[in-house]
């Protein structure tokens, strides 16, 4: 659809919580999105802090860094008191 519409404002929005459910390899999906990727939500597979679950955050961070996403990403944390950059969490902008 993005190619058919061909408008610069239409981009993909990827979310690691849902990618964990739908994608075999979230990092590969990020790479495949390429220039179509416009926004990125990062949260753990339990909707908690990235890095405190079984997802491969090193691979996800490497793929995200290739798209220069730190300026276009959001944390989507639903656990009370969770902060994405707390000790034990995973900071996509730094890793």
Protein backbone atom coordinates (compact mmCIF):
# COMPACT_ATOMS: atom_id res chain seq x y z
CA UNK A 1 0.00 0.00 0.00
CA UNK A 2 2.85 2.41 0.80
CA UNK A 3 4.27 1.98 -2.69
CA UNK A 4 0.84 2.35 -4.29
CA UNK A 5 -0.03 5.54 -2.39
CA UNK A 6 3.48 6.90 -2.92
CA UNK A 7 3.12 9.81 -0.51
CA UNK A 8 6.09 10.80 1.69
CA UNK A 9 3.85 11.14 4.76
CA UNK A 10 2.76 7.48 4.68
CA UNK A 11 5.23 5.36 6.67
CA UNK A 12 5.31 2.14 8.69
CA UNK A 13 5.00 2.19 12.46
CA UNK A 14 6.61 -0.88 14.04
CA UNK A 15 6.01 -1.95 17.63
CA UNK A 16 8.24 -4.58 19.29
CA UNK A 17 5.41 -5.94 21.47
CA UNK A 18 3.39 -6.87 18.40
CA UNK A 19 6.46 -7.83 16.38
CA UNK A 20 7.27 -10.36 19.13
CA UNK A 21 3.89 -12.01 18.43
CA UNK A 22 3.81 -11.73 14.63
CA UNK A 23 7.43 -11.83 13.45
CA UNK A 24 9.89 -14.72 13.60
CA UNK A 25 12.77 -12.22 13.50
CA UNK A 26 11.92 -8.65 14.59
CA UNK A 27 15.36 -7.33 13.62
CA UNK A 28 14.95 -8.70 10.09
CA UNK A 29 11.52 -7.04 9.86
CA UNK A 30 13.06 -3.70 10.85
CA UNK A 31 15.73 -4.09 8.18
CA UNK A 32 13.12 -5.13 5.59
CA UNK A 33 11.04 -2.03 6.36
CA UNK A 34 13.92 0.10 5.10
CA UNK A 35 13.03 3.65 4.15
CA UNK A 36 9.33 2.91 4.72
CA UNK A 37 9.90 2.90 8.48
CA UNK A 38 8.70 6.14 10.02
CA UNK A 39 8.15 5.44 13.73
CA UNK A 40 9.16 2.75 16.20
CA UNK A 41 7.76 1.76 19.60
CA UNK A 42 10.04 -0.23 21.88
CA UNK A 43 8.75 -2.30 24.77
CA UNK A 44 9.38 -5.75 26.14
CA UNK A 45 7.38 -8.82 25.25
CA UNK A 46 5.46 -8.33 28.52
CA UNK A 47 4.93 -4.62 27.73
CA UNK A 48 7.66 -3.85 30.23
CA UNK A 49 11.12 -2.37 29.95
CA UNK A 50 13.11 -3.42 26.88
CA UNK A 51 15.91 -5.75 27.90
CA UNK A 52 14.08 -7.44 30.76
CA UNK A 53 12.57 -10.21 28.61
CA UNK A 54 13.62 -12.88 26.11
CA UNK A 55 13.73 -10.68 22.99
CA UNK A 56 17.04 -10.23 21.17
CA UNK A 57 17.50 -6.53 21.95
CA UNK A 58 21.07 -6.44 20.65
CA UNK A 59 19.85 -7.43 17.18
CA UNK A 60 16.82 -5.11 17.40
CA UNK A 61 19.03 -2.19 18.48
CA UNK A 62 21.51 -2.85 15.66
CA UNK A 63 18.70 -2.89 13.09
CA UNK A 64 17.15 0.26 14.58
CA UNK A 65 20.49 2.08 14.61
CA UNK A 66 20.86 1.37 10.89
CA UNK A 67 17.68 3.41 10.37
CA UNK A 68 18.79 6.23 12.69
CA UNK A 69 15.68 5.63 14.77
CA UNK A 70 16.63 7.05 18.17
CA UNK A 71 15.10 10.41 17.19
CA UNK A 72 11.93 8.74 15.93
CA UNK A 73 11.23 6.14 18.54
CA UNK A 74 8.94 5.92 21.52
CA UNK A 75 8.86 3.73 24.55
CA UNK A 76 5.58 1.98 25.17
CA UNK A 77 5.81 0.77 28.76
CA UNK A 78 2.62 -0.22 30.58
CA UNK A 79 4.05 -1.37 33.91
CA UNK A 80 3.74 1.18 36.73
CA UNK A 81 7.05 2.78 37.62
CA UNK A 82 8.91 1.41 34.57
CA UNK A 83 11.30 3.72 32.81
CA UNK A 84 13.01 2.60 29.64
CA UNK A 85 16.43 3.83 30.73
CA UNK A 86 16.49 2.53 34.27
CA UNK A 87 19.21 0.08 35.36
CA UNK A 88 18.51 -3.28 33.78
CA UNK A 89 16.50 -1.72 30.96
CA UNK A 90 17.67 -1.47 27.39
CA UNK A 91 18.30 1.92 25.80
CA UNK A 92 18.05 1.70 22.01
CA UNK A 93 19.71 5.08 21.67
CA UNK A 94 22.88 3.87 23.38
CA UNK A 95 23.10 0.13 22.56
